[in-house]
Amino acid sequence: MRALAIVLIYALLLECFYQVECEGRPVRRYQSKPPCRQPCDYKNNPCRNPCPKCKGGPWTSYVCSR
């Protein structure tokens, strides 16, 4: 019985330290024009004109909305 308890505790400890690798999120490049950032499309148009409408707030970054 003691051996079973040791095996179960060992298995639980291994699960605690088991790490799963996350997939890398795609990185979007932004044009830095204050106060609003807008995505840069390097394939078609390197960086567009200044943004007419910004979306964001104090806890989120300002991003161009269409």
PDB file of N, CA and C in Angstrom:
ATOM      1  N   MET A   1       0.816  -1.191   0.000  1.00  0.00           N
ATOM      2  CA  MET A   1       0.000   0.000   0.000  1.00  0.00           C
ATOM      3  C   MET A   1       0.868   1.266   0.000  1.00  0.00           C
ATOM      4  N   ARG A   2       1.952   1.194   0.753  1.00  0.00           N
ATOM      5  CA  ARG A   2       2.859   2.340   0.826  1.00  0.00           C
ATOM      6  C   ARG A   2       3.503   2.599  -0.537  1.00  0.00           C
ATOM      7  N   ALA A   3       3.855   1.525  -1.233  1.00  0.00           N
ATOM      8  CA  ALA A   3       4.470   1.669  -2.557  1.00  0.00           C
ATOM      9  C   ALA A   3       3.494   2.301  -3.546  1.00  0.00           C
ATOM     10  N   LEU A   4       2.226   1.930  -3.463  1.00  0.00           N
ATOM     11  CA  LEU A   4       1.205   2.506  -4.338  1.00  0.00           C
ATOM     12  C   LEU A   4       1.048   4.001  -4.071  1.00  0.00           C
ATOM     13  N   ALA A   5       1.061   4.385  -2.812  1.00  0.00           N
ATOM     14  CA  ALA A   5       0.956   5.798  -2.458  1.00  0.00           C
ATOM     15  C   ALA A   5       2.154   6.577  -2.986  1.00  0.00           C
ATOM     16  N   ILE A   6       3.338   6.008  -2.893  1.00  0.00           N
ATOM     17  CA  ILE A   6       4.549   6.675  -3.396  1.00  0.00           C
ATOM     18  C   ILE A   6       4.467   6.839  -4.906  1.00  0.00           C
ATOM     19  N   VAL A   7       4.004   5.828  -5.610  1.00  0.00           N
ATOM     20  CA  VAL A   7       3.882   5.897  -7.072  1.00  0.00           C
ATOM     21  C   VAL A   7       2.861   6.966  -7.463  1.00  0.00           C
ATOM     22  N   LEU A   8       1.733   7.031  -6.778  1.00  0.00           N
ATOM     23  CA  LEU A   8       0.718   8.040  -7.089  1.00  0.00           C
ATOM     24  C   LEU A   8       1.231   9.453  -6.821  1.00  0.00           C
ATOM     25  N   ILE A   9       1.909   9.641  -5.706  1.00  0.00           N
ATOM     26  CA  ILE A   9       2.470  10.962  -5.400  1.00  0.00           C
ATOM     27  C   ILE A   9       3.517  11.346  -6.436  1.00  0.00           C
ATOM     28  N   TYR A  10       4.345  10.410  -6.838  1.00  0.00           N
ATOM     29  CA  TYR A  10       5.365  10.666  -7.848  1.00  0.00           C
ATOM     30  C   TYR A  10       4.713  11.054  -9.179  1.00  0.00           C
ATOM     31  N   ALA A  11       3.641  10.362  -9.554  1.00  0.00           N
ATOM     32  CA  ALA A  11       2.941  10.679 -10.804  1.00  0.00           C
ATOM     33  C   ALA A  11       2.316  12.071 -10.737  1.00  0.00           C
ATOM     34  N   LEU A  12       1.738  12.429  -9.606  1.00  0.00           N
ATOM     35  CA  LEU A  12       1.153  13.763  -9.458  1.00  0.00           C
ATOM     36  C   LEU A  12       2.216  14.851  -9.520  1.00  0.00           C
ATOM     37  N   LEU A  13       3.356  14.604  -8.909  1.00  0.00           N
ATOM     38  CA  LEU A  13       4.443  15.586  -8.965  1.00  0.00           C
ATOM     39  C   LEU A  13       4.961  15.754 -10.383  1.00  0.00           C
ATOM     40  N   LEU A  14       5.045  14.663 -11.128  1.00  0.00           N
ATOM     41  CA  LEU A  14       5.495  14.765 -12.516  1.00  0.00           C
ATOM     42  C   LEU A  14       4.517  15.586 -13.345  1.00  0.00           C
ATOM     43  N   GLU A  15       3.223  15.422 -13.101  1.00  0.00           N
ATOM     44  CA  GLU A  15       2.227  16.200 -13.833  1.00  0.00           C
ATOM     45  C   GLU A  15       2.346  17.681 -13.530  1.00  0.00           C
ATOM     46  N   CYS A  16       2.706  18.021 -12.311  1.00  0.00           N
ATOM     47  CA  CYS A  16       2.831  19.429 -11.939  1.00  0.00           C
ATOM     48  C   CYS A  16       3.951  20.116 -12.713  1.00  0.00           C
ATOM     49  N   PHE A  17       5.014  19.395 -12.998  1.00  0.00           N
ATOM     50  CA  PHE A  17       6.163  19.998 -13.670  1.00  0.00           C
ATOM     51  C   PHE A  17       6.175  19.755 -15.169  1.00  0.00           C
ATOM     52  N   TYR A  18       5.160  19.072 -15.693  1.00  0.00           N
ATOM     53  CA  TYR A  18       5.093  18.798 -17.126  1.00  0.00           C
ATOM     54  C   TYR A  18       4.725  20.077 -17.857  1.00  0.00           C
ATOM     55  N   GLN A  19       5.522  20.456 -18.837  1.00  0.00           N
ATOM     56  CA  GLN A  19       5.264  21.677 -19.586  1.00  0.00           C
ATOM     57  C   GLN A  19       4.878  21.338 -21.012  1.00  0.00           C
ATOM     58  N   VAL A  20       3.882  22.027 -21.490  1.00  0.00           N
ATOM     59  CA  VAL A  20       3.439  21.853 -22.866  1.00  0.00           C
ATOM     60  C   VAL A  20       3.958  23.037 -23.655  1.00  0.00           C
ATOM     61  N   GLU A  21       4.559  22.758 -24.800  1.00  0.00           N
ATOM     62  CA  GLU A  21       5.064  23.844 -25.629  1.00  0.00           C
ATOM     63  C   GLU A  21       3.906  24.483 -26.378  1.00  0.00           C
ATOM     64  N   CYS A  22       3.864  25.784 -26.339  1.00  0.00           N
ATOM     65  CA  CYS A  22       2.802  26.512 -27.030  1.00  0.00           C
ATOM     66  C   CYS A  22       3.227  26.809 -28.462  1.00  0.00           C
ATOM     67  N   GLU A  23       2.233  26.890 -29.326  1.00  0.00           N
ATOM     68  CA  GLU A  23       2.527  27.304 -30.693  1.00  0.00           C
ATOM     69  C   GLU A  23       2.791  28.801 -30.679  1.00  0.00           C
ATOM     70  N   GLY A  24       3.768  29.214 -31.451  1.00  0.00           N
ATOM     71  CA  GLY A  24       4.066  30.632 -31.520  1.00  0.00           C
ATOM     72  C   GLY A  24       2.964  31.377 -32.243  1.00  0.00           C
ATOM     73  N   ARG A  25       2.536  32.480 -31.665  1.00  0.00           N
ATOM     74  CA  ARG A  25       1.510  33.280 -32.318  1.00  0.00           C
ATOM     75  C   ARG A  25       2.140  34.042 -33.474  1.00  0.00           C
ATOM     76  N   PRO A  26       1.386  34.266 -34.535  1.00  0.00           N
ATOM     77  CA  PRO A  26       1.943  35.035 -35.647  1.00  0.00           C
ATOM     78  C   PRO A  26       2.224  36.471 -35.215  1.00  0.00           C
ATOM     79  N   VAL A  27       3.335  36.978 -35.664  1.00  0.00           N
ATOM     80  CA  VAL A  27       3.740  38.333 -35.295  1.00  0.00           C
ATOM     81  C   VAL A  27       3.272  39.294 -36.378  1.00  0.00           C
ATOM     82  N   ARG A  28       2.574  40.343 -35.975  1.00  0.00           N
ATOM     83  CA  ARG A  28       2.142  41.361 -36.930  1.00  0.00           C
ATOM     84  C   ARG A  28       3.014  42.589 -36.740  1.00  0.00           C
ATOM     85  N   ARG A  29       3.507  43.104 -37.814  1.00  0.00           N
ATOM     86  CA  ARG A  29       4.321  44.319 -37.758  1.00  0.00           C
ATOM     87  C   ARG A  29       3.396  45.527 -37.839  1.00  0.00           C
ATOM     88  N   TYR A  30       3.707  46.550 -37.084  1.00  0.00           N
ATOM     89  CA  TYR A  30       2.879  47.739 -37.062  1.00  0.00           C
ATOM     90  C   TYR A  30       3.692  48.963 -37.442  1.00  0.00           C
ATOM     91  N   GLN A  31       3.011  49.867 -38.094  1.00  0.00           N
ATOM     92  CA  GLN A  31       3.596  51.161 -38.398  1.00  0.00           C
ATOM     93  C   GLN A  31       3.411  52.015 -37.154  1.00  0.00           C
ATOM     94  N   SER A  32       4.467  52.621 -36.698  1.00  0.00           N
ATOM     95  CA  SER A  32       4.352  53.404 -35.462  1.00  0.00           C
ATOM     96  C   SER A  32       4.109  54.867 -35.793  1.00  0.00           C
ATOM     97  N   LYS A  33       2.853  55.231 -35.873  1.00  0.00           N
ATOM     98  CA  LYS A  33       2.472  56.627 -36.065  1.00  0.00           C
ATOM     99  C   LYS A  33       1.530  56.984 -34.930  1.00  0.00           C
ATOM    100  N   PRO A  34       1.974  57.770 -33.991  1.00  0.00           N
ATOM    101  CA  PRO A  34       1.107  58.082 -32.867  1.00  0.00           C
ATOM    102  C   PRO A  34      -0.123  58.846 -33.325  1.00  0.00           C
ATOM    103  N   PRO A  35      -1.244  58.740 -32.674  1.00  0.00           N
ATOM    104  CA  PRO A  35      -1.499  57.892 -31.526  1.00  0.00           C
ATOM    105  C   PRO A  35      -2.000  56.506 -31.920  1.00  0.00           C
ATOM    106  N   CYS A  36      -2.087  56.219 -33.200  1.00  0.00           N
ATOM    107  CA  CYS A  36      -2.697  54.964 -33.631  1.00  0.00           C
ATOM    108  C   CYS A  36      -1.715  54.130 -34.436  1.00  0.00           C
ATOM    109  N   ARG A  37      -1.713  52.804 -34.162  1.00  0.00           N
ATOM    110  CA  ARG A  37      -0.877  51.894 -34.939  1.00  0.00           C
ATOM    111  C   ARG A  37      -1.766  51.200 -35.956  1.00  0.00           C
ATOM    112  N   GLN A  38      -1.222  50.915 -37.119  1.00  0.00           N
ATOM    113  CA  GLN A  38      -1.996  50.169 -38.095  1.00  0.00           C
ATOM    114  C   GLN A  38      -1.127  49.077 -38.691  1.00  0.00           C
ATOM    115  N   PRO A  39      -1.743  47.932 -39.043  1.00  0.00           N
ATOM    116  CA  PRO A  39      -0.956  46.824 -39.571  1.00  0.00           C
ATOM    117  C   PRO A  39      -0.258  47.204 -40.866  1.00  0.00           C
ATOM    118  N   CYS A  40       0.978  46.757 -41.015  1.00  0.00           N
ATOM    119  CA  CYS A  40       1.722  46.961 -42.253  1.00  0.00           C
ATOM    120  C   CYS A  40       1.609  45.704 -43.106  1.00  0.00           C
ATOM    121  N   ASP A  41       1.283  45.876 -44.364  1.00  0.00           N
ATOM    122  CA  ASP A  41       1.169  44.755 -45.288  1.00  0.00           C
ATOM    123  C   ASP A  41       2.376  44.827 -46.211  1.00  0.00           C
ATOM    124  N   TYR A  42       3.393  44.013 -45.927  1.00  0.00           N
ATOM    125  CA  TYR A  42       4.640  44.110 -46.674  1.00  0.00           C
ATOM    126  C   TYR A  42       4.538  43.533 -48.076  1.00  0.00           C
ATOM    127  N   LYS A  43       3.535  42.693 -48.334  1.00  0.00           N
ATOM    128  CA  LYS A  43       3.417  42.096 -49.663  1.00  0.00           C
ATOM    129  C   LYS A  43       2.869  43.093 -50.674  1.00  0.00           C
ATOM    130  N   ASN A  44       1.805  43.807 -50.310  1.00  0.00           N
ATOM    131  CA  ASN A  44       1.144  44.701 -51.260  1.00  0.00           C
ATOM    132  C   ASN A  44       1.571  46.157 -51.099  1.00  0.00           C
ATOM    133  N   ASN A  45       1.428  46.670 -49.901  1.00  0.00           N
ATOM    134  CA  ASN A  45       1.697  48.078 -49.655  1.00  0.00           C
ATOM    135  C   ASN A  45       2.475  48.175 -48.345  1.00  0.00           C
ATOM    136  N   PRO A  46       3.718  48.646 -48.358  1.00  0.00           N
ATOM    137  CA  PRO A  46       4.546  48.595 -47.150  1.00  0.00           C
ATOM    138  C   PRO A  46       3.865  49.156 -45.907  1.00  0.00           C
ATOM    139  N   CYS A  47       3.459  50.385 -45.908  1.00  0.00           N
ATOM    140  CA  CYS A  47       2.696  50.945 -44.792  1.00  0.00           C
ATOM    141  C   CYS A  47       1.749  51.990 -45.353  1.00  0.00           C
ATOM    142  N   ARG A  48       0.492  51.877 -44.954  1.00  0.00           N
ATOM    143  CA  ARG A  48      -0.542  52.731 -45.536  1.00  0.00           C
ATOM    144  C   ARG A  48      -0.504  54.152 -44.982  1.00  0.00           C
ATOM    145  N   ASN A  49      -1.391  54.965 -45.505  1.00  0.00           N
ATOM    146  CA  ASN A  49      -1.522  56.354 -45.057  1.00  0.00           C
ATOM    147  C   ASN A  49      -1.969  56.397 -43.599  1.00  0.00           C
ATOM    148  N   PRO A  50      -1.908  57.577 -42.965  1.00  0.00           N
ATOM    149  CA  PRO A  50      -2.366  57.676 -41.576  1.00  0.00           C
ATOM    150  C   PRO A  50      -3.806  57.192 -41.426  1.00  0.00           C
ATOM    151  N   CYS A  51      -4.081  56.645 -40.289  1.00  0.00           N
ATOM    152  CA  CYS A  51      -5.377  56.026 -40.024  1.00  0.00           C
ATOM    153  C   CYS A  51      -6.473  57.068 -39.824  1.00  0.00           C
ATOM    154  N   PRO A  52      -7.628  56.899 -40.500  1.00  0.00           N
ATOM    155  CA  PRO A  52      -8.724  57.852 -40.302  1.00  0.00           C
ATOM    156  C   PRO A  52      -9.513  57.592 -39.018  1.00  0.00           C
ATOM    157  N   LYS A  53      -9.501  56.347 -38.519  1.00  0.00           N
ATOM    158  CA  LYS A  53     -10.323  55.997 -37.355  1.00  0.00           C
ATOM    159  C   LYS A  53      -9.542  55.060 -36.439  1.00  0.00           C
ATOM    160  N   CYS A  54      -9.280  55.496 -35.212  1.00  0.00           N
ATOM    161  CA  CYS A  54      -8.528  54.680 -34.257  1.00  0.00           C
ATOM    162  C   CYS A  54      -9.468  54.005 -33.268  1.00  0.00           C
ATOM    163  N   LYS A  55      -9.094  52.785 -32.883  1.00  0.00           N
ATOM    164  CA  LYS A  55      -9.866  52.034 -31.899  1.00  0.00           C
ATOM    165  C   LYS A  55      -8.916  51.612 -30.790  1.00  0.00           C
ATOM    166  N   GLY A  56      -9.300  51.778 -29.554  1.00  0.00           N
ATOM    167  CA  GLY A  56      -8.447  51.380 -28.439  1.00  0.00           C
ATOM    168  C   GLY A  56      -8.843  52.117 -27.178  1.00  0.00           C
ATOM    169  N   GLY A  57      -8.031  51.971 -26.169  1.00  0.00           N
ATOM    170  CA  GLY A  57      -8.323  52.620 -24.906  1.00  0.00           C
ATOM    171  C   GLY A  57      -7.130  52.571 -23.983  1.00  0.00           C
ATOM    172  N   PRO A  58      -7.338  52.933 -22.722  1.00  0.00           N
ATOM    173  CA  PRO A  58      -6.213  52.980 -21.787  1.00  0.00           C
ATOM    174  C   PRO A  58      -5.575  51.617 -21.520  1.00  0.00           C
ATOM    175  N   TRP A  59      -6.340  50.518 -21.647  1.00  0.00           N
ATOM    176  CA  TRP A  59      -5.789  49.192 -21.377  1.00  0.00           C
ATOM    177  C   TRP A  59      -5.501  48.409 -22.645  1.00  0.00           C
ATOM    178  N   THR A  60      -5.824  48.958 -23.803  1.00  0.00           N
ATOM    179  CA  THR A  60      -5.517  48.294 -25.075  1.00  0.00           C
ATOM    180  C   THR A  60      -4.780  49.270 -25.964  1.00  0.00           C
ATOM    181  N   SER A  61      -3.981  48.736 -26.872  1.00  0.00           N
ATOM    182  CA  SER A  61      -3.244  49.617 -27.769  1.00  0.00           C
ATOM    183  C   SER A  61      -4.179  50.147 -28.851  1.00  0.00           C
ATOM    184  N   TYR A  62      -3.885  51.321 -29.329  1.00  0.00           N
ATOM    185  CA  TYR A  62      -4.693  51.934 -30.376  1.00  0.00           C
ATOM    186  C   TYR A  62      -4.325  51.309 -31.712  1.00  0.00           C
ATOM    187  N   VAL A  63      -5.333  50.785 -32.408  1.00  0.00           N
ATOM    188  CA  VAL A  63      -5.130  50.130 -33.697  1.00  0.00           C
ATOM    189  C   VAL A  63      -6.130  50.713 -34.671  1.00  0.00           C
ATOM    190  N   CYS A  64      -5.731  50.804 -35.914  1.00  0.00           N
ATOM    191  CA  CYS A  64      -6.590  51.361 -36.949  1.00  0.00           C
ATOM    192  C   CYS A  64      -7.771  50.429 -37.214  1.00  0.00           C
ATOM    193  N   SER A  65      -8.976  50.979 -37.238  1.00  0.00           N
ATOM    194  CA  SER A  65     -10.157  50.184 -37.588  1.00  0.00           C
ATOM    195  C   SER A  65     -10.743  50.741 -38.872  1.00  0.00           C
ATOM    196  N   ARG A  66     -11.293  49.856 -39.654  1.00  0.00           N
ATOM    197  CA  ARG A  66     -11.829  50.289 -40.954  1.00  0.00           C
ATOM    198  C   ARG A  66     -13.320  50.414 -40.903  1.00  0.00           C
TER     199      ARG A  66
END
